Amino acid sequence: MVDPYNIFPTMAPPPANDAAPPTMLTGQQAKPETTADRFFPSMKADEPQGEEVKPPAQAVQPKAQPTEGEQSKSDGDDDDETGIPGEIRELRENDRGRRMFSPQKTYEYDIPDDLLNLDEAGDDDTPAEMKAAAVAELREMAADMSMSGADVRMLIGRARAAAANPAQDEAAERSQASQQLAADLGSAKAAQQALADAKQLLDRDPRMRQLVLSLGMGNDVQTIKTLAELARRERTYGRLR
């Protein structure tokens, strides 16, 4: 169900040259040609289409030039081996609760050790050590987003539902999801804000974004609402900027 290479993108084989279908969480994407393109997809929105929900426009602020000390620090923002974003590593280092409550224990039942061993096709040749490392990192990623056990179980359930019933028409699914999100939240404006919140959270860790997309959840309304709520929670904690 989960591709370990989405969690450890630097270990991934070269991607195929197939264009990734647009979803509410990505917008229209260009054809990926490099590993970086594949695992750090563009978040640029499509041109408006009918009443489809779009995230609110945000002003682009000029980026300040880093000092020499800041430059040396930013040069190592992403770990060469695991690809863990620098902001995530910093978040983990400053998380006092993590020192008392290990994510490996907190999520050991919601993200079980055998989560990646359920290969119905029987042709999975991913090394067992890599699967174990991926499960451990999934637990850490859940803690990064302050997920409850219920949040984890819900997202795993949505992933399994998407796998069992893959979209037949991506454009139709996206349009339907856009309308459903607005209906659930009471207005198109509320839906736009939820979508923007969800994207901001996924921007913080592109591995999670790629994981959501690869599992076919980019147009899933419940997933988007859950991510938006997690984003607001993280912002309240001062962990999302």
Protein backbone atom coordinates (compact mmCIF):
# COMPACT_ATOMS: atom_id res chain seq x y z
CA MET A 1 0.00 0.00 0.00
CA VAL A 2 2.80 2.44 0.93
CA ASP A 3 5.86 2.78 -1.28
CA PRO A 4 8.93 3.09 0.99
CA TYR A 5 10.66 5.13 -1.71
CA ASN A 6 8.16 7.93 -1.09
CA ILE A 7 9.50 8.12 2.46
CA PHE A 8 13.15 7.81 1.44
CA PRO A 9 13.13 9.59 -1.95
CA THR A 10 16.91 9.75 -2.31
CA MET A 11 16.94 5.96 -2.57
CA ALA A 12 14.30 5.84 -5.31
CA PRO A 13 14.97 4.51 -8.81
CA PRO A 14 14.61 6.90 -11.77
CA PRO A 15 10.94 7.82 -12.33
CA ALA A 16 8.84 6.95 -15.33
CA ASN A 17 8.11 9.75 -17.79
CA ASP A 18 4.34 9.52 -17.33
CA ALA A 19 2.55 12.77 -16.52
CA ALA A 20 1.00 12.80 -13.06
CA PRO A 21 -2.76 13.53 -13.10
CA PRO A 22 -3.81 16.79 -11.43
CA THR A 23 -5.67 16.65 -8.12
CA MET A 24 -7.11 19.20 -5.74
CA LEU A 25 -3.91 18.98 -3.69
CA THR A 26 -1.53 19.52 -6.62
CA GLY A 27 -3.11 21.36 -9.51
CA GLN A 28 -1.87 20.69 -13.04
CA GLN A 29 1.62 19.21 -13.09
CA ALA A 30 4.24 19.10 -15.80
CA LYS A 31 5.66 15.73 -16.81
CA PRO A 32 8.24 14.71 -14.17
CA GLU A 33 11.68 14.06 -15.60
CA THR A 34 13.91 13.86 -12.54
CA THR A 35 13.75 12.28 -9.10
CA ALA A 36 13.37 15.75 -7.59
CA ASP A 37 10.42 16.49 -9.92
CA ARG A 38 8.77 13.24 -8.94
CA PHE A 39 9.06 13.61 -5.20
CA PHE A 40 8.68 17.38 -4.93
CA PRO A 41 5.71 18.01 -7.27
CA SER A 42 4.58 21.53 -8.08
CA MET A 43 1.78 23.00 -5.97
CA LYS A 44 0.80 25.52 -8.66
CA ALA A 45 -2.99 25.63 -9.15
CA ASP A 46 -4.72 25.10 -12.48
CA GLU A 47 -6.47 27.84 -14.37
CA PRO A 48 -10.06 28.34 -13.07
CA GLN A 49 -12.56 25.78 -14.35
CA GLY A 50 -16.19 26.50 -13.61
CA GLU A 51 -17.01 26.52 -9.93
CA GLU A 52 -14.06 24.37 -8.91
CA VAL A 53 -12.54 25.32 -5.58
CA LYS A 54 -9.14 27.01 -5.79
CA PRO A 55 -6.86 28.08 -2.94
CA PRO A 56 -6.80 31.83 -2.22
CA ALA A 57 -4.06 33.80 -3.92
CA GLN A 58 -1.12 34.69 -1.71
CA ALA A 59 1.26 37.60 -2.18
CA VAL A 60 4.80 36.60 -3.04
CA GLN A 61 7.28 38.09 -0.62
CA PRO A 62 10.89 38.66 -1.68
CA LYS A 63 13.22 36.18 -0.06
CA ALA A 64 15.95 37.69 2.07
CA GLN A 65 19.50 36.73 1.21
CA PRO A 66 21.00 34.48 3.92
CA THR A 67 24.05 35.51 5.86
CA GLU A 68 27.21 33.42 5.57
CA GLY A 69 26.31 31.49 8.72
CA GLU A 70 22.75 30.95 7.62
CA GLN A 71 23.94 29.83 4.20
CA SER A 72 26.12 27.13 5.66
CA LYS A 73 23.21 25.91 7.75
CA SER A 74 20.74 25.93 4.86
CA ASP A 75 23.18 24.00 2.67
CA GLY A 76 22.45 20.97 4.86
CA ASP A 77 18.72 21.44 5.19
CA ASP A 78 17.92 18.03 3.68
CA ASP A 79 19.60 14.91 5.00
CA ASP A 80 21.64 13.28 2.21
CA GLU A 81 20.61 9.76 3.17
CA THR A 82 16.98 10.03 4.20
CA GLY A 83 15.78 13.22 2.54
CA ILE A 84 14.13 14.42 5.77
CA PRO A 85 13.48 18.17 5.29
CA GLY A 86 15.51 20.49 7.48
CA GLU A 87 12.40 22.09 8.96
CA ILE A 88 11.16 18.66 10.05
CA ARG A 89 14.47 17.76 11.65
CA GLU A 90 14.44 21.06 13.53
CA LEU A 91 10.85 20.45 14.65
CA ARG A 92 11.80 17.03 16.02
CA GLU A 93 14.84 18.36 17.83
CA ASN A 94 12.73 21.00 19.61
CA ASP A 95 9.82 18.71 20.47
CA ARG A 96 10.10 18.10 24.22
CA GLY A 97 7.07 15.81 24.27
CA ARG A 98 8.81 13.50 21.84
CA ARG A 99 11.50 12.86 24.44
CA MET A 100 8.92 11.54 26.88
CA PHE A 101 6.53 9.84 24.47
CA SER A 102 8.28 8.09 21.61
CA PRO A 103 6.28 7.98 18.36
CA GLN A 104 7.42 4.37 18.02
CA LYS A 105 5.37 3.49 21.11
CA THR A 106 2.55 5.99 20.56
CA TYR A 107 1.67 4.64 17.12
CA GLU A 108 2.82 1.03 17.39
CA TYR A 109 -0.75 -0.30 17.09
CA ASP A 110 -2.12 2.27 14.62
CA ILE A 111 0.94 1.88 12.34
CA PRO A 112 1.85 -1.77 12.98
CA ASP A 113 5.18 -3.35 12.16
CA ASP A 114 3.63 -5.42 9.36
CA LEU A 115 1.86 -2.49 7.67
CA LEU A 116 3.99 -2.81 4.52
CA ASN A 117 3.95 -6.61 4.39
CA LEU A 118 0.43 -6.85 2.99
CA ASP A 119 1.43 -7.38 -0.64
CA GLU A 120 -1.50 -9.10 -2.33
CA ALA A 121 0.29 -9.33 -5.68
CA GLY A 122 3.11 -11.28 -4.11
CA ASP A 123 5.79 -9.54 -6.18
CA ASP A 124 7.15 -7.06 -3.66
CA ASP A 125 10.92 -7.34 -3.52
CA THR A 126 11.49 -4.39 -1.17
CA PRO A 127 14.07 -5.40 1.46
CA ALA A 128 12.60 -6.15 4.88
CA GLU A 129 15.02 -3.71 6.49
CA MET A 130 13.77 -0.90 4.31
CA LYS A 131 10.15 -1.74 5.11
CA ALA A 132 10.94 -1.66 8.83
CA ALA A 133 12.69 1.68 8.46
CA ALA A 134 9.74 3.06 6.45
CA VAL A 135 7.24 1.99 9.14
CA ALA A 136 9.39 3.65 11.81
CA GLU A 137 9.57 6.85 9.78
CA LEU A 138 5.79 6.80 9.16
CA ARG A 139 5.33 6.88 12.93
CA GLU A 140 7.69 9.83 13.19
CA MET A 141 5.80 11.62 10.40
CA ALA A 142 2.50 11.06 12.20
CA ALA A 143 4.00 12.70 15.29
CA ASP A 144 5.31 15.57 13.14
CA MET A 145 1.70 16.39 12.28
CA SER A 146 0.39 15.82 15.83
CA MET A 147 -1.93 13.09 14.59
CA SER A 148 -4.14 11.24 17.00
CA GLY A 149 -4.61 7.51 16.69
CA ALA A 150 -8.02 8.21 15.18
CA ASP A 151 -6.45 10.49 12.54
CA VAL A 152 -3.97 7.77 11.57
CA ARG A 153 -6.62 5.06 11.35
CA MET A 154 -8.89 7.29 9.28
CA LEU A 155 -6.16 8.12 6.76
CA ILE A 156 -5.10 4.49 6.45
CA GLY A 157 -8.74 3.59 5.89
CA ARG A 158 -9.08 6.25 3.18
CA ALA A 159 -5.92 4.95 1.50
CA ARG A 160 -7.29 1.42 1.45
CA ALA A 161 -10.60 2.66 0.06
CA ALA A 162 -8.79 4.56 -2.70
CA ALA A 163 -6.76 1.45 -3.56
CA ALA A 164 -9.89 -0.70 -3.71
CA ASN A 165 -11.79 1.82 -5.86
CA PRO A 166 -9.32 3.76 -8.04
CA ALA A 167 -10.64 6.78 -9.89
CA GLN A 168 -11.84 6.05 -13.41
CA ASP A 169 -12.08 9.71 -14.42
CA GLU A 170 -9.64 12.02 -12.62
CA ALA A 171 -11.22 15.22 -13.92
CA ALA A 172 -14.72 14.17 -12.88
CA GLU A 173 -13.49 13.05 -9.48
CA ARG A 174 -11.73 16.34 -8.91
CA SER A 175 -14.80 18.37 -9.87
CA GLN A 176 -17.07 16.27 -7.66
CA ALA A 177 -14.65 16.52 -4.73
CA SER A 178 -14.45 20.30 -5.14
CA GLN A 179 -18.22 20.63 -4.94
CA GLN A 180 -18.48 18.19 -2.04
CA LEU A 181 -15.83 20.04 -0.03
CA ALA A 182 -17.69 23.33 -0.44
CA ALA A 183 -20.98 21.65 0.53
CA ASP A 184 -19.48 20.01 3.62
CA LEU A 185 -17.87 23.22 4.84
CA GLY A 186 -20.76 25.52 4.01
CA SER A 187 -19.20 27.74 1.36
CA ALA A 188 -16.67 27.89 -1.43
CA LYS A 189 -14.61 30.35 0.64
CA ALA A 190 -14.35 27.90 3.54
CA ALA A 191 -13.40 25.16 1.11
CA GLN A 192 -10.68 27.35 -0.40
CA GLN A 193 -9.22 28.01 3.03
CA ALA A 194 -9.29 24.32 3.97
CA LEU A 195 -7.51 23.45 0.73
CA ALA A 196 -4.89 26.15 1.34
CA ASP A 197 -4.36 24.88 4.91
CA ALA A 198 -3.95 21.29 3.74
CA LYS A 199 -1.44 22.32 1.08
CA GLN A 200 0.57 24.36 3.58
CA LEU A 201 0.91 21.34 5.85
CA LEU A 202 2.00 19.12 2.96
CA ASP A 203 4.47 21.78 1.82
CA ARG A 204 6.30 21.38 5.12
CA ASP A 205 7.18 17.77 4.31
CA PRO A 206 7.03 16.94 0.58
CA ARG A 207 7.38 13.25 1.43
CA MET A 208 3.94 13.32 3.05
CA ARG A 209 2.53 15.13 0.04
CA GLN A 210 3.92 12.49 -2.33
CA LEU A 211 2.63 9.75 -0.06
CA VAL A 212 -0.91 11.17 -0.11
CA LEU A 213 -0.82 11.56 -3.88
CA SER A 214 0.69 8.16 -4.60
CA LEU A 215 -2.08 6.53 -2.55
CA GLY A 216 -4.75 8.18 -4.70
CA MET A 217 -5.98 10.52 -1.96
CA GLY A 218 -5.38 13.86 -3.70
CA ASN A 219 -9.09 14.34 -4.39
CA ASP A 220 -10.41 12.66 -1.25
CA VAL A 221 -12.60 15.14 0.63
CA GLN A 222 -12.21 13.51 4.04
CA THR A 223 -8.43 13.46 3.63
CA ILE A 224 -8.36 17.15 2.70
CA LYS A 225 -10.55 18.09 5.67
CA THR A 226 -8.38 16.08 8.05
CA LEU A 227 -5.17 17.63 6.70
CA ALA A 228 -6.71 21.10 7.02
CA GLU A 229 -7.64 20.44 10.65
CA LEU A 230 -4.14 19.10 11.37
CA ALA A 231 -2.67 22.24 9.76
CA ARG A 232 -4.76 24.51 11.97
CA ARG A 233 -3.75 22.49 15.00
CA GLU A 234 -0.07 22.75 14.09
CA ARG A 235 -0.43 26.48 13.54
CA THR A 236 -1.99 26.86 16.97
CA TYR A 237 0.98 25.01 18.46
CA GLY A 238 3.33 27.40 16.66
CA ARG A 239 4.78 24.54 14.61
CA LEU A 240 3.56 25.61 11.15
CA ARG A 241 4.76 28.85 9.67
